[in-house]
Amino acid sequence: MPGRTTKIFIFLSSLIMTWSDIFAQSVGNQPINTQIINGASTQVTSNNTKLVAATPLPKVMILPWQTPSVDVDTLQRTVATRMNIMNQLKQTFAPNAVPLSSVAPANPAMESARYTLQDILAEPNANVGTPVALFPLWTRIHDYDFFALVVIDSAKNTIKTVLHKMVPHARWQETVKSRNYADFFAPTMSELTRQLNLSNLPSPSQDIAVAFRDQTASQRPNEIDRSTIALMLANQWGTDVTTLNPIASELMATIQAFYGQSSATRKANREVILRVTYNKPPMTMKLPAALDMNVRATEAVFGQSLPWKWNEPLTVGANPDGSIILNHSGRLKTEIMTERTSLVRAELPQVAKIRGAWAYVDKGRAWGLQMNDRLISNDDPQKIKGHVVAYFGPEMNIKSPRGWPIHEGAIVFIRKGLKDVRVGQALTYDGMKVPTSWPPGSSGATTSQ
């Protein structure tokens, strides 16, 4: 038995040493040096693990065609024509562009994905403000072809603008006979290109950011692409809402990872989950199309479901001028605008409910409150003091003094002035350094209120 015990002890010791070695080789325990690789600041650990520092994105990027719901045979026929459209976009918006694969910074963790960048055109120093990416979109919507130029904030991956036009599919059928594919693409894409001005793009509201999630179980090739529906629903909101781009998101994530910009991507604070289905199998694939739209949502901080959920009809059609028709009740935007009201950065948190020493306020983590943030009364800073200890959601069924239901708020523990706290009272950040030195001006013992 003693021999067996000794063997077990040696085995366990070897395991401990193995895990100690693994821990010792972790990035956090390595001395880090900084190197310059391809113009990018790169941190290198002693075991050659490279952590790429954030590098500015190119001012303008042109992504490849996005073609959901277009069959492979059609795509093969139009390769040369679509490449000509890409060259025209380059000449118009980024005349000095080069393949992104040749200018993207070195990133050892991502090098195997560099080939995905070779079809992206990039001009690092174009004369635009915020770095943007644009891409041409082509998809079938029953008896129409849908074309668009989509412009996104390339750092945040949020939609800036969508210019679109629908063309009767009968024109494509005529084009197949003549094989002059330029006649099908050129007029529409030239019109959209003339309408686009990258130096004068709209700026959406930054108070709320919405992401769409598709919950459709399956989609037939001849059905409407659900990501295009989400894109155009967001386009109806205009500048009232910031919306995360639902198309080519994986490609954008790869680009941001190469440039160390993944943390700059805008995080949604509300998610809309759509399930768009046909009321019945369409007898003819012609517009207008009658669909059913199931809508629900979550607050994106903790993923709790919001208390609104409904079904409604959605009709998709085409106007004579080529613009898309999306007929629905409009309730989705109404609900989103209510959520935006709760996130307005210019408004301070207000006390909505008092329970013992805890004050429930109508702003939460999505607004910017973090755990242990110190808050004081906005009217009399010395009278009331507290700090954030928890968050709450729609399950509390609390209404803001401003009139809307609180779907994501914070709980503040009142340390001082509990008897003076009132519903409707505004709280603001405590500017005092915490913990404070004692005595004042010293660097010794500390204390705080």
Foldseek 3Di string as FASTA:
>chain_A
DVVVVVVVVVVVVVVVVVVVVVVCPDQVNFDWDWDQFLNFTWIAGPVGQIDTAFDDFAQEKEAEEAEALDDPVVCVLCVVVSVVLVCVLCVQFPVPWAQVLVRQTDHVVQVVVSVNRRRMTGHRDGPADQRKYWYWYWYDQQQKIKIWIWIARLLQQWTFAIDIFIGGNVVVVVCVVVSPCCVVPVVGSVVNSVVDDRRDIDAADPLFEEEEAEPAPDDDSLHDDPLVVVVVVVNVCPRDYIYHRPPCPVVSCSSCSSNVSNVSHDDGQKYKYWYKAAPDPDPGRAPFGKIKIWIWMAGRPVGHTDPDTDIWIWTWGADPRRDIDTDTDCVVVVVVSLVSVLRPLVAFWFFQDDDPQKTKTQHAVSNPADFQFKKAFPVDRVAWIWTWHAKDACVVQTAAPVGHTRGITTIIGIPGNSVPGDGGTGIDTDPDDPFADPPHPDPDDTDHD
